[in-house]
Amino acid sequence: MVLALVVAGVAAFASARGDGESGVPAADSADAGFARDMAVHHQQAVEMSFIVRDRTDDEDVRRLAYDIANTQANQRGMLLGWLDLWELPKLAPDGASPMAWMEGGEEHGEHGGGHGSGGGVGLMPGMATKDELKRLGGLRGEQAEVFFLQLMTDHHTGGVSMAEACASLCAVPVEKRLARGMVEGQQSELGLMRDMLAARGAKPRS
């Protein structure tokens, strides 16, 4: 049993090493860029989930928020772990803009379902602004539920766009598999959130 775990760990380590001559993705590669940007993206999803958890007693919304926070916190740990494994910085090199790794990154930032703007946040698809997070923290009950579901719908729409780009552009097999899993999982949650909004007489913002 112990040997099997060791073998599995070695396989996972090797699969994350990349396919380049050095076995490590370049700092400006899609693999590194996706890991950096999606780690930031996921962190905000976790933050929003914790905010709404304390603003509503609705069990369905609280359960969804818990699932999102748990899943994305775990995925974020994997992404940051790969950057450590590759000995690459967790910040974009030489002050490069977020999404520079993604073909048409700025265009996706504008049309990826996000309403954020300013401070670099607007370049990350679907990210909420500081004002929107503050507003979410000031709501309660159904108002908090609806705004959370709208913000998270934007967030997931942007996340799917990013993950689809990695599935196409990334070279590290294990990261590509994670990206494809993100697409499937977040698309499923998008359908659930549309239904939850409809049940509250609301709809996504875009």
N, C-alpha and C. Protein backbone atom coordinates (compact mmCIF):
# COMPACT_ATOMS: atom_id res chain seq x y z
N MET A 1 0.84 -1.20 0.00
CA MET A 1 0.00 0.00 0.00
C MET A 1 0.87 1.25 0.00
N VAL A 2 1.89 1.25 0.87
CA VAL A 2 2.79 2.39 0.94
C VAL A 2 3.54 2.56 -0.38
N LEU A 3 3.99 1.43 -0.95
CA LEU A 3 4.70 1.48 -2.23
C LEU A 3 3.82 2.05 -3.32
N ALA A 4 2.53 1.64 -3.32
CA ALA A 4 1.61 2.15 -4.33
C ALA A 4 1.45 3.65 -4.22
N LEU A 5 1.37 4.17 -2.99
CA LEU A 5 1.24 5.60 -2.79
C LEU A 5 2.49 6.34 -3.25
N VAL A 6 3.65 5.75 -2.99
CA VAL A 6 4.90 6.37 -3.42
C VAL A 6 4.96 6.43 -4.94
N VAL A 7 4.60 5.31 -5.60
CA VAL A 7 4.61 5.27 -7.06
C VAL A 7 3.65 6.30 -7.63
N ALA A 8 2.45 6.39 -7.04
CA ALA A 8 1.47 7.37 -7.51
C ALA A 8 1.98 8.78 -7.34
N GLY A 9 2.65 9.06 -6.21
CA GLY A 9 3.20 10.38 -5.97
C GLY A 9 4.28 10.73 -6.96
N VAL A 10 5.15 9.78 -7.28
CA VAL A 10 6.21 10.00 -8.25
C VAL A 10 5.61 10.27 -9.63
N ALA A 11 4.56 9.52 -9.98
CA ALA A 11 3.91 9.72 -11.28
C ALA A 11 3.30 11.10 -11.38
N ALA A 12 2.64 11.55 -10.30
CA ALA A 12 2.03 12.88 -10.31
C ALA A 12 3.09 13.96 -10.42
N PHE A 13 4.22 13.77 -9.68
CA PHE A 13 5.32 14.72 -9.74
C PHE A 13 5.87 14.81 -11.16
N ALA A 14 6.09 13.64 -11.77
CA ALA A 14 6.66 13.61 -13.10
C ALA A 14 5.73 14.25 -14.12
N SER A 15 4.42 13.98 -13.99
CA SER A 15 3.46 14.51 -14.97
C SER A 15 3.34 16.01 -14.91
N ALA A 16 3.73 16.61 -13.79
CA ALA A 16 3.65 18.06 -13.66
C ALA A 16 4.94 18.75 -14.03
N ARG A 17 5.93 17.98 -14.44
CA ARG A 17 7.22 18.58 -14.75
C ARG A 17 7.26 19.26 -16.10
N GLY A 18 6.30 18.97 -16.98
CA GLY A 18 6.28 19.63 -18.28
C GLY A 18 7.03 18.82 -19.31
N ASP A 19 6.99 19.29 -20.55
CA ASP A 19 7.56 18.54 -21.66
C ASP A 19 8.77 19.23 -22.29
N GLY A 20 9.20 20.36 -21.74
CA GLY A 20 10.34 21.07 -22.31
C GLY A 20 11.64 20.34 -22.02
N GLU A 21 12.74 20.83 -22.60
CA GLU A 21 14.03 20.18 -22.40
C GLU A 21 14.42 20.17 -20.94
N SER A 22 14.09 21.20 -20.22
CA SER A 22 14.44 21.26 -18.80
C SER A 22 13.41 20.55 -17.95
N GLY A 23 12.30 20.10 -18.57
CA GLY A 23 11.24 19.46 -17.81
C GLY A 23 10.38 20.44 -17.05
N VAL A 24 10.56 21.74 -17.28
CA VAL A 24 9.81 22.77 -16.55
C VAL A 24 9.27 23.81 -17.54
N PRO A 25 7.99 24.20 -17.41
CA PRO A 25 7.47 25.25 -18.30
C PRO A 25 8.21 26.56 -18.10
N ALA A 26 8.25 27.38 -19.15
CA ALA A 26 8.86 28.70 -19.05
C ALA A 26 7.96 29.62 -18.23
N ALA A 27 8.55 30.67 -17.66
CA ALA A 27 7.80 31.60 -16.83
C ALA A 27 6.70 32.31 -17.60
N ASP A 28 6.90 32.47 -18.92
CA ASP A 28 5.90 33.16 -19.73
C ASP A 28 5.04 32.19 -20.52
N SER A 29 5.06 30.91 -20.15
CA SER A 29 4.27 29.90 -20.85
C SER A 29 2.81 29.96 -20.45
N ALA A 30 1.95 29.32 -21.25
CA ALA A 30 0.53 29.23 -20.90
C ALA A 30 0.36 28.45 -19.60
N ASP A 31 1.19 27.43 -19.39
CA ASP A 31 1.08 26.62 -18.17
C ASP A 31 1.29 27.47 -16.92
N ALA A 32 2.37 28.26 -16.93
CA ALA A 32 2.67 29.10 -15.77
C ALA A 32 1.65 30.22 -15.63
N GLY A 33 1.29 30.83 -16.76
CA GLY A 33 0.32 31.93 -16.72
C GLY A 33 -1.02 31.49 -16.20
N PHE A 34 -1.49 30.35 -16.67
CA PHE A 34 -2.78 29.83 -16.20
C PHE A 34 -2.73 29.53 -14.70
N ALA A 35 -1.64 28.90 -14.26
CA ALA A 35 -1.51 28.57 -12.84
C ALA A 35 -1.55 29.83 -11.99
N ARG A 36 -0.84 30.87 -12.40
CA ARG A 36 -0.82 32.13 -11.64
C ARG A 36 -2.20 32.79 -11.63
N ASP A 37 -2.77 32.96 -12.83
CA ASP A 37 -4.01 33.72 -12.93
C ASP A 37 -5.20 32.97 -12.34
N MET A 38 -5.27 31.67 -12.57
CA MET A 38 -6.40 30.93 -12.03
C MET A 38 -6.31 30.81 -10.51
N ALA A 39 -5.11 30.82 -9.95
CA ALA A 39 -4.98 30.83 -8.50
C ALA A 39 -5.61 32.09 -7.91
N VAL A 40 -5.37 33.24 -8.57
CA VAL A 40 -5.97 34.50 -8.12
C VAL A 40 -7.48 34.46 -8.33
N HIS A 41 -7.90 33.97 -9.47
CA HIS A 41 -9.33 33.88 -9.81
C HIS A 41 -10.06 33.01 -8.77
N HIS A 42 -9.49 31.86 -8.47
CA HIS A 42 -10.09 30.95 -7.49
C HIS A 42 -10.16 31.58 -6.10
N GLN A 43 -9.14 32.33 -5.73
CA GLN A 43 -9.14 32.94 -4.41
C GLN A 43 -10.34 33.85 -4.22
N GLN A 44 -10.72 34.59 -5.27
CA GLN A 44 -11.88 35.46 -5.13
C GLN A 44 -13.17 34.65 -5.01
N ALA A 45 -13.26 33.54 -5.72
CA ALA A 45 -14.45 32.69 -5.60
C ALA A 45 -14.59 32.17 -4.18
N VAL A 46 -13.49 31.78 -3.58
CA VAL A 46 -13.51 31.33 -2.18
C VAL A 46 -13.97 32.46 -1.27
N GLU A 47 -13.44 33.66 -1.51
CA GLU A 47 -13.81 34.81 -0.69
C GLU A 47 -15.31 35.11 -0.79
N MET A 48 -15.85 35.11 -2.00
CA MET A 48 -17.27 35.39 -2.17
C MET A 48 -18.13 34.32 -1.51
N SER A 49 -17.68 33.08 -1.59
CA SER A 49 -18.43 31.99 -0.98
C SER A 49 -18.49 32.13 0.54
N PHE A 50 -17.40 32.53 1.15
CA PHE A 50 -17.40 32.74 2.60
C PHE A 50 -18.27 33.93 2.99
N ILE A 51 -18.28 34.97 2.14
CA ILE A 51 -19.12 36.14 2.43
C ILE A 51 -20.59 35.75 2.47
N VAL A 52 -21.06 35.05 1.42
CA VAL A 52 -22.49 34.74 1.36
C VAL A 52 -22.89 33.71 2.41
N ARG A 53 -21.97 32.85 2.79
CA ARG A 53 -22.28 31.86 3.83
C ARG A 53 -22.79 32.52 5.09
N ASP A 54 -22.26 33.69 5.40
CA ASP A 54 -22.64 34.40 6.63
C ASP A 54 -23.76 35.39 6.41
N ARG A 55 -24.28 35.47 5.17
CA ARG A 55 -25.32 36.47 4.88
C ARG A 55 -26.68 35.84 4.59
N THR A 56 -26.76 34.50 4.61
CA THR A 56 -28.02 33.82 4.33
C THR A 56 -28.14 32.55 5.15
N ASP A 57 -29.40 32.15 5.39
CA ASP A 57 -29.67 30.88 6.06
C ASP A 57 -30.16 29.82 5.07
N ASP A 58 -30.23 30.18 3.79
CA ASP A 58 -30.72 29.24 2.79
C ASP A 58 -29.72 28.10 2.60
N GLU A 59 -30.17 26.88 2.84
CA GLU A 59 -29.26 25.74 2.83
C GLU A 59 -28.73 25.42 1.44
N ASP A 60 -29.55 25.65 0.41
CA ASP A 60 -29.08 25.37 -0.95
C ASP A 60 -27.93 26.30 -1.34
N VAL A 61 -28.07 27.58 -1.02
CA VAL A 61 -27.02 28.54 -1.35
C VAL A 61 -25.78 28.27 -0.50
N ARG A 62 -25.98 27.98 0.77
CA ARG A 62 -24.84 27.69 1.64
C ARG A 62 -24.10 26.43 1.19
N ARG A 63 -24.85 25.44 0.72
CA ARG A 63 -24.23 24.20 0.24
C ARG A 63 -23.43 24.46 -1.03
N LEU A 64 -24.01 25.24 -1.94
CA LEU A 64 -23.28 25.60 -3.17
C LEU A 64 -22.02 26.38 -2.83
N ALA A 65 -22.14 27.35 -1.94
CA ALA A 65 -20.98 28.16 -1.55
C ALA A 65 -19.88 27.28 -0.94
N TYR A 66 -20.29 26.32 -0.11
CA TYR A 66 -19.31 25.42 0.50
C TYR A 66 -18.61 24.59 -0.57
N ASP A 67 -19.39 24.05 -1.51
CA ASP A 67 -18.80 23.22 -2.57
C ASP A 67 -17.81 24.03 -3.42
N ILE A 68 -18.19 25.26 -3.76
CA ILE A 68 -17.30 26.10 -4.56
C ILE A 68 -16.03 26.41 -3.79
N ALA A 69 -16.18 26.82 -2.53
CA ALA A 69 -15.00 27.17 -1.71
C ALA A 69 -14.08 25.98 -1.55
N ASN A 70 -14.64 24.82 -1.27
CA ASN A 70 -13.83 23.62 -1.05
C ASN A 70 -13.11 23.19 -2.32
N THR A 71 -13.85 23.14 -3.43
CA THR A 71 -13.25 22.71 -4.70
C THR A 71 -12.17 23.67 -5.16
N GLN A 72 -12.49 24.98 -5.13
CA GLN A 72 -11.54 25.93 -5.69
C GLN A 72 -10.35 26.18 -4.78
N ALA A 73 -10.52 26.03 -3.47
CA ALA A 73 -9.37 26.12 -2.57
C ALA A 73 -8.40 24.97 -2.83
N ASN A 74 -8.94 23.77 -3.05
CA ASN A 74 -8.09 22.62 -3.34
C ASN A 74 -7.37 22.78 -4.67
N GLN A 75 -8.10 23.24 -5.69
CA GLN A 75 -7.48 23.45 -6.99
C GLN A 75 -6.43 24.55 -6.94
N ARG A 76 -6.71 25.59 -6.17
CA ARG A 76 -5.74 26.67 -6.03
C ARG A 76 -4.44 26.14 -5.40
N GLY A 77 -4.58 25.27 -4.42
CA GLY A 77 -3.40 24.68 -3.81
C GLY A 77 -2.57 23.89 -4.81
N MET A 78 -3.24 23.17 -5.71
CA MET A 78 -2.53 22.43 -6.74
C MET A 78 -1.78 23.37 -7.68
N LEU A 79 -2.45 24.44 -8.10
CA LEU A 79 -1.83 25.39 -9.03
C LEU A 79 -0.60 26.05 -8.42
N LEU A 80 -0.73 26.50 -7.18
CA LEU A 80 0.42 27.12 -6.50
C LEU A 80 1.52 26.09 -6.24
N GLY A 81 1.12 24.86 -5.96
CA GLY A 81 2.11 23.80 -5.75
C GLY A 81 2.93 23.52 -6.99
N TRP A 82 2.26 23.57 -8.15
CA TRP A 82 3.00 23.38 -9.40
C TRP A 82 3.99 24.51 -9.64
N LEU A 83 3.58 25.74 -9.34
CA LEU A 83 4.52 26.86 -9.49
C LEU A 83 5.74 26.67 -8.59
N ASP A 84 5.51 26.19 -7.38
CA ASP A 84 6.64 25.89 -6.48
C ASP A 84 7.50 24.78 -7.06
N LEU A 85 6.85 23.74 -7.57
CA LEU A 85 7.57 22.61 -8.16
C LEU A 85 8.43 23.06 -9.33
N TRP A 86 7.87 23.97 -10.13
CA TRP A 86 8.59 24.48 -11.30
C TRP A 86 9.58 25.58 -10.94
N GLU A 87 9.58 26.01 -9.66
CA GLU A 87 10.44 27.10 -9.19
C GLU A 87 10.19 28.37 -10.01
N LEU A 88 8.92 28.66 -10.23
CA LEU A 88 8.51 29.85 -10.98
C LEU A 88 7.79 30.82 -10.05
N PRO A 89 7.88 32.11 -10.34
CA PRO A 89 7.23 33.11 -9.48
C PRO A 89 5.72 33.01 -9.54
N LYS A 90 5.07 33.40 -8.45
CA LYS A 90 3.61 33.38 -8.40
C LYS A 90 3.02 34.69 -8.93
N LEU A 91 3.88 35.63 -9.29
CA LEU A 91 3.46 36.88 -9.92
C LEU A 91 3.96 36.90 -11.36
N ALA A 92 3.22 37.58 -12.22
CA ALA A 92 3.60 37.65 -13.63
C ALA A 92 5.00 38.27 -13.77
N PRO A 93 5.85 37.72 -14.61
CA PRO A 93 7.21 38.24 -14.77
C PRO A 93 7.24 39.62 -15.39
N ASP A 94 8.16 40.45 -14.90
CA ASP A 94 8.40 41.78 -15.48
C ASP A 94 7.14 42.62 -15.57
N GLY A 95 6.25 42.48 -14.60
CA GLY A 95 5.05 43.29 -14.56
C GLY A 95 4.08 43.02 -15.70
N ALA A 96 4.16 41.85 -16.32
CA ALA A 96 3.26 41.51 -17.41
C ALA A 96 1.81 41.52 -16.92
N SER A 97 0.90 41.89 -17.82
CA SER A 97 -0.51 41.97 -17.46
C SER A 97 -1.09 40.58 -17.25
N PRO A 98 -2.11 40.48 -16.37
CA PRO A 98 -2.83 39.21 -16.26
C PRO A 98 -3.38 38.82 -17.63
N MET A 99 -3.44 37.54 -17.90
CA MET A 99 -3.98 36.99 -19.13
C MET A 99 -3.07 37.16 -20.34
N ALA A 100 -1.84 37.62 -20.16
CA ALA A 100 -0.93 37.76 -21.29
C ALA A 100 -0.64 36.41 -21.95
N TRP A 101 -0.76 35.33 -21.17
CA TRP A 101 -0.50 33.98 -21.68
C TRP A 101 -1.61 33.49 -22.61
N MET A 102 -2.76 34.11 -22.53
CA MET A 102 -3.95 33.62 -23.21
C MET A 102 -4.16 34.39 -24.51
N GLU A 103 -4.33 33.70 -25.60
CA GLU A 103 -4.55 34.36 -26.88
C GLU A 103 -5.75 35.27 -26.77
N GLY A 104 -5.57 36.55 -27.15
CA GLY A 104 -6.66 37.51 -27.04
C GLY A 104 -7.04 37.75 -25.59
N GLY A 105 -6.04 37.71 -24.68
CA GLY A 105 -6.33 37.82 -23.25
C GLY A 105 -7.14 39.04 -22.88
N GLU A 106 -6.80 40.20 -23.43
CA GLU A 106 -7.53 41.41 -23.06
C GLU A 106 -8.95 41.37 -23.59
N GLU A 107 -9.12 40.76 -24.79
CA GLU A 107 -10.46 40.67 -25.34
C GLU A 107 -11.33 39.78 -24.47
N HIS A 108 -10.77 38.65 -24.01
CA HIS A 108 -11.52 37.78 -23.12
C HIS A 108 -11.85 38.50 -21.83
N GLY A 109 -10.93 39.34 -21.36
CA GLY A 109 -11.20 40.08 -20.13
C GLY A 109 -12.38 41.00 -20.27
N GLU A 110 -12.60 41.52 -21.48
CA GLU A 110 -13.70 42.44 -21.70
C GLU A 110 -15.01 41.71 -21.94
N HIS A 111 -14.93 40.49 -22.53
CA HIS A 111 -16.15 39.82 -22.95
C HIS A 111 -16.35 38.48 -22.25
N GLY A 112 -15.55 38.19 -21.23
CA GLY A 112 -15.64 36.89 -20.58
C GLY A 112 -16.66 36.83 -19.49
N GLY A 113 -17.63 37.72 -19.47
CA GLY A 113 -18.69 37.66 -18.47
C GLY A 113 -18.42 38.53 -17.28
N GLY A 114 -17.32 39.27 -17.29
CA GLY A 114 -16.97 40.06 -16.12
C GLY A 114 -17.51 41.46 -16.18
N HIS A 115 -17.71 42.05 -14.99
CA HIS A 115 -18.13 43.43 -14.89
C HIS A 115 -17.06 44.26 -14.18
N GLY A 116 -15.93 43.63 -13.85
CA GLY A 116 -14.90 44.33 -13.10
C GLY A 116 -14.15 45.31 -13.97
N SER A 117 -13.53 46.30 -13.32
CA SER A 117 -12.71 47.25 -14.06
C SER A 117 -11.74 47.91 -13.10
N GLY A 118 -10.58 48.26 -13.66
CA GLY A 118 -9.60 49.01 -12.88
C GLY A 118 -8.69 48.11 -12.07
N GLY A 119 -7.46 48.63 -11.81
CA GLY A 119 -6.53 47.93 -10.95
C GLY A 119 -6.11 46.57 -11.45
N GLY A 120 -6.23 46.32 -12.77
CA GLY A 120 -5.84 45.04 -13.32
C GLY A 120 -6.92 44.00 -13.18
N VAL A 121 -7.89 44.19 -12.29
CA VAL A 121 -8.92 43.19 -12.08
C VAL A 121 -9.76 43.02 -13.33
N GLY A 122 -10.01 44.11 -14.07
CA GLY A 122 -10.83 44.05 -15.25
C GLY A 122 -10.25 43.16 -16.34
N LEU A 123 -8.94 42.90 -16.29
CA LEU A 123 -8.31 42.05 -17.29
C LEU A 123 -8.53 40.58 -17.00
N MET A 124 -9.05 40.24 -15.82
CA MET A 124 -9.29 38.86 -15.44
C MET A 124 -10.77 38.56 -15.65
N PRO A 125 -11.09 37.66 -16.55
CA PRO A 125 -12.49 37.43 -16.90
C PRO A 125 -13.37 37.08 -15.70
N GLY A 126 -14.47 37.82 -15.55
CA GLY A 126 -15.47 37.50 -14.54
C GLY A 126 -15.19 37.96 -13.13
N MET A 127 -14.05 38.60 -12.90
CA MET A 127 -13.71 39.01 -11.54
C MET A 127 -14.62 40.14 -11.06
N ALA A 128 -15.06 40.05 -9.81
CA ALA A 128 -15.86 41.11 -9.20
C ALA A 128 -14.95 42.26 -8.77
N THR A 129 -15.50 43.46 -8.75
CA THR A 129 -14.75 44.62 -8.27
C THR A 129 -14.80 44.68 -6.75
N LYS A 130 -13.96 45.53 -6.18
CA LYS A 130 -13.98 45.73 -4.73
C LYS A 130 -15.33 46.27 -4.27
N ASP A 131 -15.91 47.16 -5.07
CA ASP A 131 -17.22 47.71 -4.73
C ASP A 131 -18.29 46.63 -4.72
N GLU A 132 -18.21 45.71 -5.66
CA GLU A 132 -19.19 44.62 -5.71
C GLU A 132 -19.03 43.69 -4.51
N LEU A 133 -17.81 43.41 -4.12
CA LEU A 133 -17.59 42.58 -2.94
C LEU A 133 -18.11 43.27 -1.68
N LYS A 134 -17.89 44.57 -1.61
CA LYS A 134 -18.38 45.34 -0.47
C LYS A 134 -19.90 45.32 -0.43
N ARG A 135 -20.52 45.47 -1.59
CA ARG A 135 -21.98 45.43 -1.66
C ARG A 135 -22.51 44.06 -1.22
N LEU A 136 -21.87 42.99 -1.68
CA LEU A 136 -22.29 41.65 -1.28
C LEU A 136 -22.25 41.49 0.23
N GLY A 137 -21.20 42.03 0.84
CA GLY A 137 -21.06 41.93 2.29
C GLY A 137 -22.08 42.72 3.07
N GLY A 138 -22.76 43.66 2.39
CA GLY A 138 -23.75 44.48 3.07
C GLY A 138 -25.18 43.99 2.88
N LEU A 139 -25.36 42.92 2.09
CA LEU A 139 -26.70 42.39 1.84
C LEU A 139 -27.00 41.20 2.75
N ARG A 140 -28.28 40.90 2.86
CA ARG A 140 -28.68 39.75 3.65
C ARG A 140 -29.82 39.03 2.95
N GLY A 141 -30.02 37.76 3.34
CA GLY A 141 -31.15 37.00 2.86
C GLY A 141 -31.17 36.83 1.35
N GLU A 142 -32.36 36.95 0.76
CA GLU A 142 -32.51 36.69 -0.67
C GLU A 142 -31.73 37.68 -1.53
N GLN A 143 -31.60 38.93 -1.07
CA GLN A 143 -30.81 39.90 -1.84
C GLN A 143 -29.36 39.45 -1.94
N ALA A 144 -28.81 38.94 -0.84
CA ALA A 144 -27.44 38.43 -0.85
C ALA A 144 -27.34 37.20 -1.75
N GLU A 145 -28.33 36.33 -1.68
CA GLU A 145 -28.32 35.12 -2.50
C GLU A 145 -28.31 35.46 -3.98
N VAL A 146 -29.19 36.36 -4.39
CA VAL A 146 -29.29 36.73 -5.81
C VAL A 146 -28.00 37.38 -6.29
N PHE A 147 -27.46 38.31 -5.52
CA PHE A 147 -26.25 39.01 -5.97
C PHE A 147 -25.07 38.05 -6.00
N PHE A 148 -24.97 37.15 -5.03
CA PHE A 148 -23.91 36.14 -5.04
C PHE A 148 -24.02 35.27 -6.28
N LEU A 149 -25.21 34.80 -6.58
CA LEU A 149 -25.40 33.93 -7.74
C LEU A 149 -25.07 34.65 -9.04
N GLN A 150 -25.39 35.95 -9.10
CA GLN A 150 -25.06 36.73 -10.29
C GLN A 150 -23.54 36.93 -10.41
N LEU A 151 -22.91 37.29 -9.29
CA LEU A 151 -21.46 37.47 -9.31
C LEU A 151 -20.74 36.16 -9.65
N MET A 152 -21.21 35.06 -9.06
CA MET A 152 -20.54 33.78 -9.29
C MET A 152 -20.81 33.26 -10.69
N THR A 153 -21.95 33.61 -11.27
CA THR A 153 -22.20 33.26 -12.67
C THR A 153 -21.20 33.96 -13.58
N ASP A 154 -21.00 35.27 -13.34
CA ASP A 154 -19.97 35.99 -14.09
C ASP A 154 -18.60 35.35 -13.89
N HIS A 155 -18.31 35.03 -12.64
CA HIS A 155 -17.00 34.47 -12.27
C HIS A 155 -16.76 33.14 -12.96
N HIS A 156 -17.75 32.25 -12.90
CA HIS A 156 -17.62 30.94 -13.54
C HIS A 156 -17.52 31.06 -15.06
N THR A 157 -18.29 31.99 -15.65
CA THR A 157 -18.21 32.18 -17.10
C THR A 157 -16.80 32.57 -17.51
N GLY A 158 -16.20 33.48 -16.75
CA GLY A 158 -14.81 33.86 -17.01
C GLY A 158 -13.85 32.72 -16.76
N GLY A 159 -14.09 31.97 -15.69
CA GLY A 159 -13.22 30.84 -15.37
C GLY A 159 -13.25 29.77 -16.44
N VAL A 160 -14.43 29.50 -16.98
CA VAL A 160 -14.54 28.52 -18.06
C VAL A 160 -13.73 28.98 -19.28
N SER A 161 -13.81 30.27 -19.60
CA SER A 161 -13.04 30.81 -20.72
C SER A 161 -11.54 30.60 -20.51
N MET A 162 -11.07 30.86 -19.30
CA MET A 162 -9.66 30.67 -18.99
C MET A 162 -9.26 29.20 -19.06
N ALA A 163 -10.09 28.33 -18.49
CA ALA A 163 -9.78 26.90 -18.46
C ALA A 163 -9.79 26.31 -19.86
N GLU A 164 -10.72 26.76 -20.69
CA GLU A 164 -10.75 26.28 -22.07
C GLU A 164 -9.47 26.69 -22.81
N ALA A 165 -8.97 27.89 -22.52
CA ALA A 165 -7.73 28.34 -23.15
C ALA A 165 -6.56 27.47 -22.72
N CYS A 166 -6.51 27.13 -21.42
CA CYS A 166 -5.43 26.26 -20.95
C CYS A 166 -5.54 24.87 -21.57
N ALA A 167 -6.75 24.34 -21.66
CA ALA A 167 -6.93 23.02 -22.25
C ALA A 167 -6.40 22.98 -23.68
N SER A 168 -6.44 24.14 -24.34
CA SER A 168 -5.94 24.24 -25.71
C SER A 168 -4.46 24.59 -25.78
N LEU A 169 -4.00 25.49 -24.89
CA LEU A 169 -2.66 26.05 -25.01
C LEU A 169 -1.61 25.43 -24.09
N CYS A 170 -2.04 24.90 -22.94
CA CYS A 170 -1.07 24.37 -21.98
C CYS A 170 -0.43 23.09 -22.51
N ALA A 171 0.79 22.81 -22.01
CA ALA A 171 1.54 21.65 -22.48
C ALA A 171 1.64 20.55 -21.43
N VAL A 172 1.52 20.88 -20.14
CA VAL A 172 1.67 19.90 -19.07
C VAL A 172 0.39 19.06 -18.98
N PRO A 173 0.48 17.76 -19.21
CA PRO A 173 -0.73 16.93 -19.27
C PRO A 173 -1.63 17.02 -18.04
N VAL A 174 -1.05 16.98 -16.85
CA VAL A 174 -1.87 17.00 -15.65
C VAL A 174 -2.60 18.34 -15.50
N GLU A 175 -1.99 19.43 -15.95
CA GLU A 175 -2.64 20.73 -15.88
C GLU A 175 -3.77 20.82 -16.91
N LYS A 176 -3.54 20.26 -18.09
CA LYS A 176 -4.60 20.24 -19.10
C LYS A 176 -5.81 19.45 -18.60
N ARG A 177 -5.55 18.33 -17.90
CA ARG A 177 -6.65 17.54 -17.36
C ARG A 177 -7.41 18.32 -16.30
N LEU A 178 -6.67 19.03 -15.45
CA LEU A 178 -7.33 19.84 -14.43
C LEU A 178 -8.19 20.91 -15.09
N ALA A 179 -7.68 21.56 -16.12
CA ALA A 179 -8.42 22.61 -16.82
C ALA A 179 -9.71 22.05 -17.42
N ARG A 180 -9.63 20.87 -18.05
CA ARG A 180 -10.84 20.27 -18.62
C ARG A 180 -11.85 19.93 -17.52
N GLY A 181 -11.35 19.48 -16.37
CA GLY A 181 -12.24 19.21 -15.25
C GLY A 181 -12.91 20.47 -14.73
N MET A 182 -12.17 21.59 -14.73
CA MET A 182 -12.75 22.87 -14.32
C MET A 182 -13.88 23.28 -15.25
N VAL A 183 -13.67 23.09 -16.55
CA VAL A 183 -14.71 23.45 -17.52
C VAL A 183 -15.98 22.66 -17.24
N GLU A 184 -15.85 21.36 -17.06
CA GLU A 184 -17.01 20.51 -16.83
C GLU A 184 -17.72 20.88 -15.52
N GLY A 185 -16.94 21.03 -14.46
CA GLY A 185 -17.52 21.32 -13.16
C GLY A 185 -18.21 22.68 -13.11
N GLN A 186 -17.56 23.69 -13.67
CA GLN A 186 -18.13 25.03 -13.59
C GLN A 186 -19.31 25.20 -14.54
N GLN A 187 -19.31 24.51 -15.67
CA GLN A 187 -20.47 24.57 -16.55
C GLN A 187 -21.68 23.94 -15.87
N SER A 188 -21.47 22.86 -15.14
CA SER A 188 -22.56 22.23 -14.39
C SER A 188 -23.11 23.18 -13.34
N GLU A 189 -22.21 23.87 -12.62
CA GLU A 189 -22.66 24.82 -11.61
C GLU A 189 -23.34 26.04 -12.22
N LEU A 190 -22.94 26.42 -13.44
CA LEU A 190 -23.61 27.53 -14.12
C LEU A 190 -25.09 27.19 -14.37
N GLY A 191 -25.36 25.97 -14.78
CA GLY A 191 -26.74 25.55 -14.98
C GLY A 191 -27.52 25.57 -13.68
N LEU A 192 -26.89 25.09 -12.61
CA LEU A 192 -27.54 25.10 -11.30
C LEU A 192 -27.84 26.51 -10.84
N MET A 193 -26.90 27.42 -11.05
CA MET A 193 -27.10 28.80 -10.60
C MET A 193 -28.17 29.52 -11.42
N ARG A 194 -28.28 29.21 -12.70
CA ARG A 194 -29.38 29.78 -13.49
C ARG A 194 -30.73 29.36 -12.92
N ASP A 195 -30.83 28.07 -12.55
CA ASP A 195 -32.08 27.58 -11.97
C ASP A 195 -32.36 28.24 -10.62
N MET A 196 -31.32 28.43 -9.81
CA MET A 196 -31.49 29.04 -8.50
C MET A 196 -31.90 30.51 -8.62
N LEU A 197 -31.35 31.20 -9.60
CA LEU A 197 -31.75 32.58 -9.85
C LEU A 197 -33.21 32.64 -10.31
N ALA A 198 -33.58 31.76 -11.22
CA ALA A 198 -34.95 31.75 -11.72
C ALA A 198 -35.95 31.51 -10.58
N ALA A 199 -35.57 30.62 -9.65
CA ALA A 199 -36.45 30.33 -8.51
C ALA A 199 -36.64 31.55 -7.62
N ARG A 200 -35.75 32.51 -7.73
CA ARG A 200 -35.82 33.75 -6.94
C ARG A 200 -36.29 34.93 -7.79
N GLY A 201 -36.83 34.62 -8.97
CA GLY A 201 -37.34 35.67 -9.84
C GLY A 201 -36.26 36.56 -10.42
N ALA A 202 -35.05 36.04 -10.58
CA ALA A 202 -33.92 36.81 -11.09
C ALA A 202 -33.25 36.05 -12.22
N LYS A 203 -32.25 36.67 -12.82
CA LYS A 203 -31.51 36.06 -13.92
C LYS A 203 -30.08 36.58 -13.91
N PRO A 204 -29.19 35.90 -14.63
CA PRO A 204 -27.80 36.39 -14.72
C PRO A 204 -27.75 37.80 -15.27
N ARG A 205 -26.65 38.52 -14.97
CA ARG A 205 -26.51 39.90 -15.41
C ARG A 205 -26.20 40.01 -16.90
N SER A 206 -25.65 38.92 -17.46
CA SER A 206 -25.29 38.97 -18.89
C SER A 206 -25.47 37.59 -19.51
